[in-house]
Amino acid sequence: MSRKSSNPLALAVLSCLFERPMHPYEIATTLRERHKDESIKLNYGSLYAVVEGLQRRRLVVAAETMREGNRPERTVYRLTDAGRIELVDWLSELLSEPAKEFTQFEAGLSLMAVLAPEDAVKCLEGRRGRLEIELAQARSLRELLGSKLPRLFWVEGEYRWKLKEAELAFVEKLIADITAGTLEGLAFWRDTHGRLAAGEAPMKFE
């Protein structure tokens, strides 16, 4: 299914308004308090643009305008029936249909042979160290959230940590295979960089 919007922030806005009418600042605060900004890129400028886009599509409408003290007026938005249908359909699609996601790390791996094997190992070792730090921080956060919130409300964090654990295991295995000389294609990789260093044309891989 093709959608006019594929921005996850729009989905997050709809989900907040599913609970109750809110103004954009309250939406942003709610998402940050619930740590949803760790899964969905959030900044105030794009948030207001997203709300305006949803309003143009009649998925949300202005419910009222309010003012607190000397602060500027704030428009409170509510979900329309069309917005509720879009929210359910969109969320169901995300949960049920695997999608190809072009990650930065995958792009780097696809072009890793540009680096010499020794240089690639150094880069991977640096990534391994950073992943170990991130996972240690994640364990602390998991213990904190697990003691305060039901799993339902931090399950996306659990998914993110599992991905990092799998990535760390993959990186460690790749480092070991290169270092031990067991990576298939390693001889060609080394020969290519040896020829380039000597000013010779590399052999074609066939």
N, C-alpha and C. Protein backbone atom coordinates (compact mmCIF):
# COMPACT_ATOMS: atom_id res chain seq x y z
N MET A 1 0.84 -1.19 0.00
CA MET A 1 0.00 0.00 0.00
C MET A 1 0.88 1.25 0.00
N SER A 2 0.59 2.19 -0.89
CA SER A 2 1.36 3.43 -0.92
C SER A 2 0.62 4.49 -0.13
N ARG A 3 1.37 5.26 0.64
CA ARG A 3 0.75 6.27 1.49
C ARG A 3 1.25 7.64 1.10
N LYS A 4 0.40 8.65 1.31
CA LYS A 4 0.81 10.01 1.03
C LYS A 4 1.91 10.45 2.00
N SER A 5 1.92 9.87 3.18
CA SER A 5 2.94 10.16 4.18
C SER A 5 3.55 8.86 4.68
N SER A 6 4.88 8.83 4.74
CA SER A 6 5.56 7.66 5.30
C SER A 6 6.41 8.08 6.50
N ASN A 7 6.22 9.32 6.95
CA ASN A 7 6.99 9.84 8.07
C ASN A 7 6.47 9.25 9.38
N PRO A 8 7.30 8.48 10.10
CA PRO A 8 6.83 7.89 11.37
C PRO A 8 6.37 8.93 12.38
N LEU A 9 6.87 10.18 12.27
CA LEU A 9 6.44 11.21 13.20
C LEU A 9 4.95 11.50 13.02
N ALA A 10 4.45 11.41 11.80
CA ALA A 10 3.02 11.60 11.56
C ALA A 10 2.21 10.52 12.26
N LEU A 11 2.73 9.30 12.22
CA LEU A 11 2.06 8.20 12.92
C LEU A 11 2.06 8.43 14.43
N ALA A 12 3.16 8.96 14.95
CA ALA A 12 3.25 9.24 16.38
C ALA A 12 2.26 10.33 16.78
N VAL A 13 2.10 11.34 15.94
CA VAL A 13 1.13 12.41 16.22
C VAL A 13 -0.27 11.83 16.27
N LEU A 14 -0.60 11.01 15.28
CA LEU A 14 -1.94 10.39 15.26
C LEU A 14 -2.17 9.54 16.51
N SER A 15 -1.13 8.83 16.95
CA SER A 15 -1.29 7.95 18.11
C SER A 15 -1.51 8.77 19.38
N CYS A 16 -0.84 9.92 19.49
CA CYS A 16 -1.07 10.78 20.66
C CYS A 16 -2.49 11.32 20.66
N LEU A 17 -2.96 11.75 19.50
CA LEU A 17 -4.31 12.30 19.42
C LEU A 17 -5.37 11.21 19.54
N PHE A 18 -4.97 9.97 19.36
CA PHE A 18 -5.88 8.84 19.59
C PHE A 18 -6.29 8.79 21.06
N GLU A 19 -5.36 9.23 21.95
CA GLU A 19 -5.64 9.23 23.39
C GLU A 19 -6.57 10.37 23.78
N ARG A 20 -6.23 11.57 23.27
CA ARG A 20 -7.03 12.76 23.60
C ARG A 20 -6.55 13.92 22.73
N PRO A 21 -7.35 14.98 22.61
CA PRO A 21 -6.89 16.16 21.88
C PRO A 21 -5.66 16.79 22.56
N MET A 22 -4.71 17.26 21.79
CA MET A 22 -3.50 17.88 22.32
C MET A 22 -3.04 18.99 21.38
N HIS A 23 -2.23 19.91 21.91
CA HIS A 23 -1.54 20.88 21.05
C HIS A 23 -0.15 20.32 20.75
N PRO A 24 0.49 20.78 19.69
CA PRO A 24 1.77 20.19 19.27
C PRO A 24 2.83 20.14 20.35
N TYR A 25 2.92 21.17 21.18
CA TYR A 25 3.94 21.15 22.24
C TYR A 25 3.68 20.00 23.21
N GLU A 26 2.42 19.76 23.52
CA GLU A 26 2.07 18.66 24.43
C GLU A 26 2.38 17.31 23.77
N ILE A 27 2.16 17.22 22.47
CA ILE A 27 2.49 15.99 21.75
C ILE A 27 3.99 15.71 21.86
N ALA A 28 4.80 16.73 21.61
CA ALA A 28 6.26 16.57 21.69
C ALA A 28 6.69 16.18 23.09
N THR A 29 6.12 16.83 24.10
CA THR A 29 6.46 16.52 25.48
C THR A 29 6.08 15.09 25.84
N THR A 30 4.91 14.66 25.40
CA THR A 30 4.45 13.29 25.67
C THR A 30 5.39 12.27 25.04
N LEU A 31 5.79 12.51 23.79
CA LEU A 31 6.68 11.58 23.10
C LEU A 31 8.04 11.50 23.79
N ARG A 32 8.55 12.64 24.24
CA ARG A 32 9.84 12.65 24.92
C ARG A 32 9.75 11.97 26.28
N GLU A 33 8.70 12.25 27.02
CA GLU A 33 8.54 11.63 28.34
C GLU A 33 8.47 10.11 28.24
N ARG A 34 7.91 9.63 27.15
CA ARG A 34 7.76 8.18 26.95
C ARG A 34 8.95 7.58 26.18
N HIS A 35 9.98 8.40 25.92
CA HIS A 35 11.19 7.97 25.21
C HIS A 35 10.91 7.51 23.78
N LYS A 36 9.81 7.98 23.19
CA LYS A 36 9.51 7.61 21.81
C LYS A 36 10.45 8.30 20.84
N ASP A 37 11.11 9.38 21.28
CA ASP A 37 12.06 10.08 20.42
C ASP A 37 13.32 9.23 20.18
N GLU A 38 13.47 8.13 20.91
CA GLU A 38 14.59 7.21 20.66
C GLU A 38 14.29 6.29 19.48
N SER A 39 13.01 6.18 19.12
CA SER A 39 12.60 5.33 18.00
C SER A 39 12.12 6.14 16.81
N ILE A 40 11.68 7.37 17.06
CA ILE A 40 11.12 8.22 16.01
C ILE A 40 11.81 9.58 16.08
N LYS A 41 12.38 10.01 14.97
CA LYS A 41 13.10 11.28 14.94
C LYS A 41 12.13 12.43 15.21
N LEU A 42 12.47 13.25 16.20
CA LEU A 42 11.56 14.30 16.65
C LEU A 42 12.28 15.62 16.78
N ASN A 43 11.76 16.64 16.13
CA ASN A 43 12.14 18.02 16.44
C ASN A 43 10.92 18.90 16.23
N TYR A 44 10.89 20.03 16.94
CA TYR A 44 9.68 20.85 16.97
C TYR A 44 9.31 21.40 15.61
N GLY A 45 10.31 21.81 14.82
CA GLY A 45 10.02 22.39 13.51
C GLY A 45 9.30 21.40 12.61
N SER A 46 9.81 20.18 12.54
CA SER A 46 9.18 19.17 11.69
C SER A 46 7.84 18.72 12.26
N LEU A 47 7.71 18.76 13.59
CA LEU A 47 6.45 18.35 14.20
C LEU A 47 5.31 19.26 13.76
N TYR A 48 5.53 20.57 13.79
CA TYR A 48 4.48 21.51 13.37
C TYR A 48 4.15 21.33 11.89
N ALA A 49 5.16 21.05 11.07
CA ALA A 49 4.92 20.82 9.65
C ALA A 49 4.10 19.55 9.44
N VAL A 50 4.38 18.53 10.23
CA VAL A 50 3.63 17.27 10.15
C VAL A 50 2.17 17.49 10.53
N VAL A 51 1.93 18.24 11.61
CA VAL A 51 0.56 18.51 12.04
C VAL A 51 -0.20 19.26 10.95
N GLU A 52 0.46 20.24 10.34
CA GLU A 52 -0.19 21.00 9.26
C GLU A 52 -0.53 20.08 8.09
N GLY A 53 0.39 19.15 7.78
CA GLY A 53 0.12 18.21 6.70
C GLY A 53 -1.05 17.30 7.01
N LEU A 54 -1.14 16.84 8.24
CA LEU A 54 -2.27 15.99 8.64
C LEU A 54 -3.58 16.76 8.61
N GLN A 55 -3.50 18.04 8.95
CA GLN A 55 -4.71 18.87 8.91
C GLN A 55 -5.17 19.08 7.47
N ARG A 56 -4.22 19.29 6.54
CA ARG A 56 -4.60 19.45 5.14
C ARG A 56 -5.28 18.20 4.60
N ARG A 57 -4.87 17.04 5.09
CA ARG A 57 -5.46 15.78 4.64
C ARG A 57 -6.72 15.42 5.44
N ARG A 58 -7.12 16.31 6.33
CA ARG A 58 -8.33 16.14 7.15
C ARG A 58 -8.26 14.91 8.06
N LEU A 59 -7.04 14.58 8.46
CA LEU A 59 -6.86 13.49 9.43
C LEU A 59 -6.91 14.02 10.85
N VAL A 60 -6.62 15.30 11.02
CA VAL A 60 -6.79 16.00 12.29
C VAL A 60 -7.45 17.34 12.01
N VAL A 61 -8.13 17.86 13.02
CA VAL A 61 -8.75 19.18 12.89
C VAL A 61 -8.48 19.97 14.17
N ALA A 62 -8.50 21.28 14.05
CA ALA A 62 -8.35 22.14 15.22
C ALA A 62 -9.61 22.06 16.06
N ALA A 63 -9.44 21.72 17.34
CA ALA A 63 -10.58 21.59 18.23
C ALA A 63 -10.85 22.88 18.98
N GLU A 64 -9.76 23.54 19.42
CA GLU A 64 -9.90 24.79 20.16
C GLU A 64 -8.55 25.49 20.22
N THR A 65 -8.60 26.77 20.57
CA THR A 65 -7.38 27.54 20.78
C THR A 65 -7.34 27.96 22.23
N MET A 66 -6.20 27.76 22.88
CA MET A 66 -6.10 28.08 24.30
C MET A 66 -4.87 28.94 24.57
N ARG A 67 -4.93 29.66 25.67
CA ARG A 67 -3.81 30.50 26.08
C ARG A 67 -3.57 30.31 27.58
N GLU A 68 -2.31 30.15 27.97
CA GLU A 68 -1.95 30.03 29.39
C GLU A 68 -1.06 31.20 29.78
N GLY A 69 -1.58 32.08 30.63
CA GLY A 69 -0.80 33.23 31.08
C GLY A 69 -0.41 34.13 29.92
N ASN A 70 0.87 34.48 29.87
CA ASN A 70 1.37 35.35 28.81
C ASN A 70 1.90 34.57 27.61
N ARG A 71 1.73 33.27 27.63
CA ARG A 71 2.23 32.46 26.52
C ARG A 71 1.39 32.68 25.27
N PRO A 72 1.99 32.43 24.07
CA PRO A 72 1.22 32.56 22.82
C PRO A 72 0.08 31.56 22.79
N GLU A 73 -0.91 31.86 21.98
CA GLU A 73 -2.04 30.94 21.84
C GLU A 73 -1.57 29.61 21.27
N ARG A 74 -2.18 28.54 21.73
CA ARG A 74 -1.86 27.22 21.23
C ARG A 74 -3.13 26.56 20.70
N THR A 75 -3.01 25.96 19.53
CA THR A 75 -4.15 25.28 18.93
C THR A 75 -4.15 23.81 19.34
N VAL A 76 -5.26 23.37 19.87
CA VAL A 76 -5.43 21.98 20.26
C VAL A 76 -6.07 21.24 19.09
N TYR A 77 -5.48 20.09 18.73
CA TYR A 77 -5.98 19.30 17.60
C TYR A 77 -6.60 18.01 18.11
N ARG A 78 -7.57 17.53 17.35
CA ARG A 78 -8.17 16.24 17.66
C ARG A 78 -8.16 15.37 16.41
N LEU A 79 -8.27 14.07 16.63
CA LEU A 79 -8.27 13.08 15.55
C LEU A 79 -9.65 13.04 14.90
N THR A 80 -9.69 12.97 13.59
CA THR A 80 -10.96 12.78 12.88
C THR A 80 -11.20 11.28 12.69
N ASP A 81 -12.38 10.93 12.19
CA ASP A 81 -12.67 9.53 11.90
C ASP A 81 -11.71 9.00 10.84
N ALA A 82 -11.42 9.84 9.84
CA ALA A 82 -10.48 9.44 8.79
C ALA A 82 -9.08 9.25 9.37
N GLY A 83 -8.73 10.09 10.32
CA GLY A 83 -7.43 9.97 10.97
C GLY A 83 -7.31 8.70 11.78
N ARG A 84 -8.40 8.31 12.43
CA ARG A 84 -8.40 7.07 13.22
C ARG A 84 -8.24 5.85 12.31
N ILE A 85 -8.92 5.87 11.18
CA ILE A 85 -8.80 4.77 10.21
C ILE A 85 -7.37 4.71 9.66
N GLU A 86 -6.81 5.87 9.33
CA GLU A 86 -5.44 5.92 8.81
C GLU A 86 -4.45 5.39 9.85
N LEU A 87 -4.63 5.76 11.09
CA LEU A 87 -3.74 5.31 12.17
C LEU A 87 -3.75 3.79 12.29
N VAL A 88 -4.93 3.21 12.34
CA VAL A 88 -5.05 1.75 12.51
C VAL A 88 -4.49 1.03 11.29
N ASP A 89 -4.82 1.49 10.10
CA ASP A 89 -4.34 0.83 8.87
C ASP A 89 -2.82 0.93 8.76
N TRP A 90 -2.29 2.11 9.03
CA TRP A 90 -0.85 2.35 8.90
C TRP A 90 -0.07 1.51 9.91
N LEU A 91 -0.52 1.53 11.16
CA LEU A 91 0.16 0.77 12.20
C LEU A 91 0.08 -0.73 11.93
N SER A 92 -1.08 -1.19 11.46
CA SER A 92 -1.23 -2.62 11.12
C SER A 92 -0.26 -3.01 10.02
N GLU A 93 -0.09 -2.13 9.05
CA GLU A 93 0.84 -2.40 7.95
C GLU A 93 2.27 -2.49 8.44
N LEU A 94 2.67 -1.58 9.31
CA LEU A 94 4.04 -1.57 9.82
C LEU A 94 4.35 -2.83 10.62
N LEU A 95 3.38 -3.30 11.39
CA LEU A 95 3.60 -4.47 12.24
C LEU A 95 3.55 -5.77 11.45
N SER A 96 2.81 -5.81 10.36
CA SER A 96 2.57 -7.08 9.67
C SER A 96 3.44 -7.29 8.44
N GLU A 97 3.93 -6.21 7.81
CA GLU A 97 4.64 -6.35 6.54
C GLU A 97 6.11 -5.97 6.68
N PRO A 98 7.04 -6.94 6.55
CA PRO A 98 8.48 -6.60 6.58
C PRO A 98 8.80 -5.66 5.42
N ALA A 99 9.64 -4.68 5.69
CA ALA A 99 10.02 -3.71 4.67
C ALA A 99 11.54 -3.65 4.55
N LYS A 100 12.02 -3.42 3.34
CA LYS A 100 13.45 -3.27 3.12
C LYS A 100 13.90 -1.92 3.67
N GLU A 101 14.84 -1.95 4.62
CA GLU A 101 15.35 -0.71 5.22
C GLU A 101 16.83 -0.59 4.90
N PHE A 102 17.21 0.52 4.28
CA PHE A 102 18.59 0.73 3.85
C PHE A 102 19.37 1.38 4.99
N THR A 103 20.05 0.57 5.79
CA THR A 103 20.78 1.10 6.93
C THR A 103 22.16 1.58 6.52
N GLN A 104 22.72 2.49 7.30
CA GLN A 104 24.05 3.02 7.04
C GLN A 104 25.10 1.92 7.15
N PHE A 105 24.96 1.04 8.13
CA PHE A 105 25.95 -0.02 8.34
C PHE A 105 25.95 -1.00 7.17
N GLU A 106 24.76 -1.34 6.69
CA GLU A 106 24.68 -2.25 5.54
C GLU A 106 25.35 -1.64 4.32
N ALA A 107 25.15 -0.34 4.13
CA ALA A 107 25.80 0.34 3.01
C ALA A 107 27.32 0.27 3.15
N GLY A 108 27.82 0.48 4.37
CA GLY A 108 29.25 0.40 4.61
C GLY A 108 29.81 -0.99 4.35
N LEU A 109 29.07 -2.02 4.80
CA LEU A 109 29.51 -3.39 4.58
C LEU A 109 29.57 -3.73 3.09
N SER A 110 28.61 -3.20 2.33
CA SER A 110 28.57 -3.52 0.90
C SER A 110 29.77 -2.96 0.15
N LEU A 111 30.42 -1.94 0.72
CA LEU A 111 31.57 -1.30 0.08
C LEU A 111 32.85 -1.46 0.89
N MET A 112 32.84 -2.37 1.86
CA MET A 112 33.96 -2.53 2.79
C MET A 112 35.28 -2.85 2.09
N ALA A 113 35.22 -3.55 0.94
CA ALA A 113 36.44 -3.97 0.25
C ALA A 113 37.27 -2.79 -0.26
N VAL A 114 36.69 -1.58 -0.26
CA VAL A 114 37.47 -0.40 -0.65
C VAL A 114 38.62 -0.18 0.34
N LEU A 115 38.39 -0.52 1.60
CA LEU A 115 39.44 -0.41 2.62
C LEU A 115 40.32 -1.65 2.59
N ALA A 116 41.55 -1.50 3.01
CA ALA A 116 42.42 -2.66 3.19
C ALA A 116 41.87 -3.49 4.35
N PRO A 117 42.07 -4.81 4.34
CA PRO A 117 41.53 -5.66 5.40
C PRO A 117 41.89 -5.18 6.80
N GLU A 118 43.16 -4.79 6.99
CA GLU A 118 43.60 -4.33 8.32
C GLU A 118 42.84 -3.08 8.74
N ASP A 119 42.60 -2.17 7.80
CA ASP A 119 41.87 -0.93 8.12
C ASP A 119 40.41 -1.23 8.42
N ALA A 120 39.84 -2.18 7.68
CA ALA A 120 38.45 -2.57 7.93
C ALA A 120 38.31 -3.15 9.32
N VAL A 121 39.29 -3.97 9.73
CA VAL A 121 39.25 -4.56 11.07
C VAL A 121 39.30 -3.47 12.14
N LYS A 122 40.14 -2.47 11.95
CA LYS A 122 40.22 -1.37 12.93
C LYS A 122 38.88 -0.65 13.05
N CYS A 123 38.25 -0.41 11.91
CA CYS A 123 36.94 0.25 11.94
C CYS A 123 35.90 -0.62 12.66
N LEU A 124 35.92 -1.89 12.36
CA LEU A 124 34.96 -2.82 12.99
C LEU A 124 35.22 -2.95 14.49
N GLU A 125 36.49 -2.92 14.88
CA GLU A 125 36.80 -2.96 16.31
C GLU A 125 36.29 -1.70 17.01
N GLY A 126 36.38 -0.56 16.33
CA GLY A 126 35.83 0.66 16.91
C GLY A 126 34.32 0.57 17.07
N ARG A 127 33.66 -0.02 16.07
CA ARG A 127 32.21 -0.19 16.15
C ARG A 127 31.84 -1.15 17.27
N ARG A 128 32.63 -2.23 17.40
CA ARG A 128 32.38 -3.19 18.48
C ARG A 128 32.44 -2.51 19.84
N GLY A 129 33.44 -1.67 20.06
CA GLY A 129 33.56 -0.97 21.33
C GLY A 129 32.38 -0.06 21.61
N ARG A 130 31.92 0.64 20.58
CA ARG A 130 30.77 1.54 20.76
C ARG A 130 29.50 0.75 21.03
N LEU A 131 29.34 -0.37 20.35
CA LEU A 131 28.16 -1.21 20.59
C LEU A 131 28.16 -1.76 22.01
N GLU A 132 29.32 -2.15 22.50
CA GLU A 132 29.41 -2.67 23.87
C GLU A 132 29.00 -1.59 24.88
N ILE A 133 29.41 -0.35 24.64
CA ILE A 133 29.03 0.75 25.53
C ILE A 133 27.53 1.00 25.46
N GLU A 134 26.99 1.03 24.24
CA GLU A 134 25.55 1.27 24.07
C GLU A 134 24.72 0.17 24.72
N LEU A 135 25.18 -1.06 24.62
CA LEU A 135 24.43 -2.16 25.23
C LEU A 135 24.51 -2.12 26.75
N ALA A 136 25.64 -1.69 27.28
CA ALA A 136 25.75 -1.54 28.73
C ALA A 136 24.78 -0.46 29.22
N GLN A 137 24.68 0.64 28.46
CA GLN A 137 23.73 1.70 28.82
C GLN A 137 22.30 1.19 28.68
N ALA A 138 22.07 0.38 27.65
CA ALA A 138 20.73 -0.15 27.43
C ALA A 138 20.30 -1.08 28.56
N ARG A 139 21.24 -1.86 29.08
CA ARG A 139 20.91 -2.75 30.20
C ARG A 139 20.47 -1.95 31.42
N SER A 140 21.16 -0.83 31.67
CA SER A 140 20.79 0.01 32.80
C SER A 140 19.40 0.60 32.61
N LEU A 141 19.14 1.07 31.37
CA LEU A 141 17.83 1.64 31.08
C LEU A 141 16.75 0.58 31.16
N ARG A 142 17.06 -0.62 30.69
CA ARG A 142 16.08 -1.71 30.72
C ARG A 142 15.71 -2.05 32.15
N GLU A 143 16.69 -2.06 33.04
CA GLU A 143 16.41 -2.34 34.45
C GLU A 143 15.54 -1.25 35.06
N LEU A 144 15.82 0.00 34.66
CA LEU A 144 15.04 1.12 35.18
C LEU A 144 13.60 1.07 34.68
N LEU A 145 13.44 0.90 33.35
CA LEU A 145 12.09 0.88 32.78
C LEU A 145 11.32 -0.35 33.24
N GLY A 146 12.02 -1.48 33.34
CA GLY A 146 11.35 -2.71 33.74
C GLY A 146 10.80 -2.65 35.15
N SER A 147 11.40 -1.81 35.99
CA SER A 147 10.92 -1.69 37.36
C SER A 147 9.78 -0.69 37.49
N LYS A 148 9.57 0.13 36.43
CA LYS A 148 8.56 1.19 36.52
C LYS A 148 7.39 1.01 35.56
N LEU A 149 7.66 0.36 34.40
CA LEU A 149 6.63 0.28 33.37
C LEU A 149 6.41 -1.15 32.92
N PRO A 150 5.19 -1.50 32.53
CA PRO A 150 4.95 -2.81 31.92
C PRO A 150 5.73 -2.92 30.61
N ARG A 151 6.07 -4.12 30.22
CA ARG A 151 6.86 -4.35 29.01
C ARG A 151 6.22 -3.73 27.77
N LEU A 152 4.89 -3.68 27.72
CA LEU A 152 4.18 -3.11 26.59
C LEU A 152 4.70 -1.73 26.21
N PHE A 153 5.08 -0.94 27.22
CA PHE A 153 5.42 0.46 26.98
C PHE A 153 6.90 0.69 26.69
N TRP A 154 7.71 -0.37 26.66
CA TRP A 154 9.10 -0.20 26.23
C TRP A 154 9.56 -1.33 25.32
N VAL A 155 8.57 -2.00 24.68
CA VAL A 155 8.89 -3.14 23.82
C VAL A 155 9.72 -2.72 22.61
N GLU A 156 9.54 -1.47 22.14
CA GLU A 156 10.37 -1.01 21.01
C GLU A 156 11.82 -0.87 21.41
N GLY A 157 12.06 -0.53 22.69
CA GLY A 157 13.43 -0.48 23.19
C GLY A 157 14.04 -1.87 23.24
N GLU A 158 13.24 -2.85 23.64
CA GLU A 158 13.71 -4.23 23.67
C GLU A 158 14.11 -4.69 22.27
N TYR A 159 13.31 -4.34 21.28
CA TYR A 159 13.62 -4.69 19.89
C TYR A 159 14.94 -4.04 19.46
N ARG A 160 15.10 -2.77 19.81
CA ARG A 160 16.32 -2.04 19.44
C ARG A 160 17.54 -2.67 20.08
N TRP A 161 17.43 -3.09 21.36
CA TRP A 161 18.56 -3.72 22.05
C TRP A 161 18.89 -5.08 21.44
N LYS A 162 17.86 -5.83 21.06
CA LYS A 162 18.09 -7.14 20.45
C LYS A 162 18.83 -6.99 19.12
N LEU A 163 18.47 -5.96 18.37
CA LEU A 163 19.16 -5.71 17.11
C LEU A 163 20.64 -5.39 17.35
N LYS A 164 20.90 -4.60 18.39
CA LYS A 164 22.29 -4.25 18.71
C LYS A 164 23.06 -5.48 19.18
N GLU A 165 22.42 -6.34 19.95
CA GLU A 165 23.08 -7.57 20.38
C GLU A 165 23.43 -8.44 19.19
N ALA A 166 22.50 -8.55 18.24
CA ALA A 166 22.76 -9.34 17.04
C ALA A 166 23.86 -8.69 16.19
N GLU A 167 23.85 -7.37 16.11
CA GLU A 167 24.88 -6.66 15.35
C GLU A 167 26.25 -6.86 15.98
N LEU A 168 26.31 -6.79 17.30
CA LEU A 168 27.58 -6.99 18.00
C LEU A 168 28.12 -8.40 17.72
N ALA A 169 27.26 -9.40 17.78
CA ALA A 169 27.69 -10.78 17.51
C ALA A 169 28.19 -10.91 16.08
N PHE A 170 27.51 -10.25 15.14
CA PHE A 170 27.92 -10.29 13.73
C PHE A 170 29.28 -9.62 13.55
N VAL A 171 29.46 -8.45 14.17
CA VAL A 171 30.73 -7.71 14.04
C VAL A 171 31.87 -8.52 14.63
N GLU A 172 31.65 -9.12 15.80
CA GLU A 172 32.70 -9.92 16.43
C GLU A 172 33.10 -11.10 15.55
N LYS A 173 32.13 -11.76 14.92
CA LYS A 173 32.41 -12.90 14.04
C LYS A 173 33.15 -12.44 12.79
N LEU A 174 32.75 -11.30 12.23
CA LEU A 174 33.41 -10.79 11.03
C LEU A 174 34.86 -10.42 11.32
N ILE A 175 35.11 -9.77 12.45
CA ILE A 175 36.48 -9.44 12.85
C ILE A 175 37.31 -10.72 12.99
N ALA A 176 36.74 -11.72 13.64
CA ALA A 176 37.45 -12.98 13.84
C ALA A 176 37.77 -13.66 12.52
N ASP A 177 36.81 -13.64 11.57
CA ASP A 177 37.03 -14.30 10.28
C ASP A 177 38.12 -13.60 9.47
N ILE A 178 38.13 -12.26 9.51
CA ILE A 178 39.17 -11.53 8.77
C ILE A 178 40.53 -11.77 9.41
N THR A 179 40.56 -11.66 10.74
CA THR A 179 41.82 -11.81 11.47
C THR A 179 42.40 -13.21 11.32
N ALA A 180 41.54 -14.23 11.34
CA ALA A 180 42.00 -15.61 11.23
C ALA A 180 42.26 -16.03 9.79
N GLY A 181 41.87 -15.19 8.85
CA GLY A 181 42.09 -15.51 7.44
C GLY A 181 41.08 -16.48 6.87
N THR A 182 39.93 -16.63 7.53
CA THR A 182 38.93 -17.60 7.08
C THR A 182 37.79 -16.98 6.28
N LEU A 183 37.80 -15.68 6.10
CA LEU A 183 36.74 -15.02 5.32
C LEU A 183 36.92 -15.36 3.84
N GLU A 184 35.90 -15.90 3.22
CA GLU A 184 35.99 -16.23 1.80
C GLU A 184 36.21 -14.95 0.99
N GLY A 185 37.17 -15.00 0.07
CA GLY A 185 37.48 -13.82 -0.74
C GLY A 185 38.58 -12.97 -0.16
N LEU A 186 39.08 -13.34 1.02
CA LEU A 186 40.10 -12.52 1.69
C LEU A 186 41.40 -12.46 0.87
N ALA A 187 41.80 -13.57 0.24
CA ALA A 187 43.03 -13.57 -0.55
C ALA A 187 42.93 -12.58 -1.71
N PHE A 188 41.78 -12.58 -2.38
CA PHE A 188 41.56 -11.63 -3.48
C PHE A 188 41.58 -10.20 -2.95
N TRP A 189 40.97 -9.98 -1.79
CA TRP A 189 40.91 -8.66 -1.15
C TRP A 189 42.32 -8.16 -0.86
N ARG A 190 43.13 -9.01 -0.24
CA ARG A 190 44.51 -8.61 0.08
C ARG A 190 45.32 -8.37 -1.20
N ASP A 191 45.14 -9.24 -2.19
CA ASP A 191 45.88 -9.10 -3.45
C ASP A 191 45.53 -7.78 -4.14
N THR A 192 44.26 -7.44 -4.13
CA THR A 192 43.82 -6.20 -4.76
C THR A 192 44.52 -4.99 -4.15
N HIS A 193 44.55 -4.93 -2.82
CA HIS A 193 45.18 -3.78 -2.17
C HIS A 193 46.69 -3.81 -2.31
N GLY A 194 47.27 -5.01 -2.40
CA GLY A 194 48.70 -5.10 -2.65
C GLY A 194 49.04 -4.55 -4.02
N ARG A 195 48.25 -4.89 -5.02
CA ARG A 195 48.48 -4.40 -6.37
C ARG A 195 48.29 -2.88 -6.46
N LEU A 196 47.25 -2.38 -5.79
CA LEU A 196 47.00 -0.93 -5.80
C LEU A 196 48.16 -0.19 -5.14
N ALA A 197 48.68 -0.72 -4.03
CA ALA A 197 49.80 -0.09 -3.34
C ALA A 197 51.06 -0.07 -4.21
N ALA A 198 51.18 -1.07 -5.08
CA ALA A 198 52.35 -1.16 -5.97
C ALA A 198 52.14 -0.42 -7.28
N GLY A 199 50.97 0.22 -7.41
CA GLY A 199 50.68 0.96 -8.64
C GLY A 199 50.25 0.08 -9.79
N GLU A 200 49.82 -1.14 -9.50
CA GLU A 200 49.38 -2.06 -10.54
C GLU A 200 47.86 -2.11 -10.60
N ALA A 201 47.36 -2.56 -11.73
CA ALA A 201 45.91 -2.69 -11.88
C ALA A 201 45.45 -3.94 -11.14
N PRO A 202 44.36 -3.86 -10.38
CA PRO A 202 43.91 -5.05 -9.66
C PRO A 202 43.31 -6.08 -10.61
N MET A 203 43.36 -7.35 -10.19
CA MET A 203 42.76 -8.41 -10.98
C MET A 203 41.25 -8.34 -10.86
N LYS A 204 40.57 -8.81 -11.90
CA LYS A 204 39.13 -8.88 -11.84
C LYS A 204 38.70 -10.14 -11.10
N PHE A 205 37.64 -9.99 -10.29
CA PHE A 205 37.15 -11.15 -9.57
C PHE A 205 36.19 -11.91 -10.49
N GLU A 206 36.50 -13.17 -10.74
CA GLU A 206 35.67 -13.99 -11.63
C GLU A 206 35.37 -15.33 -10.97
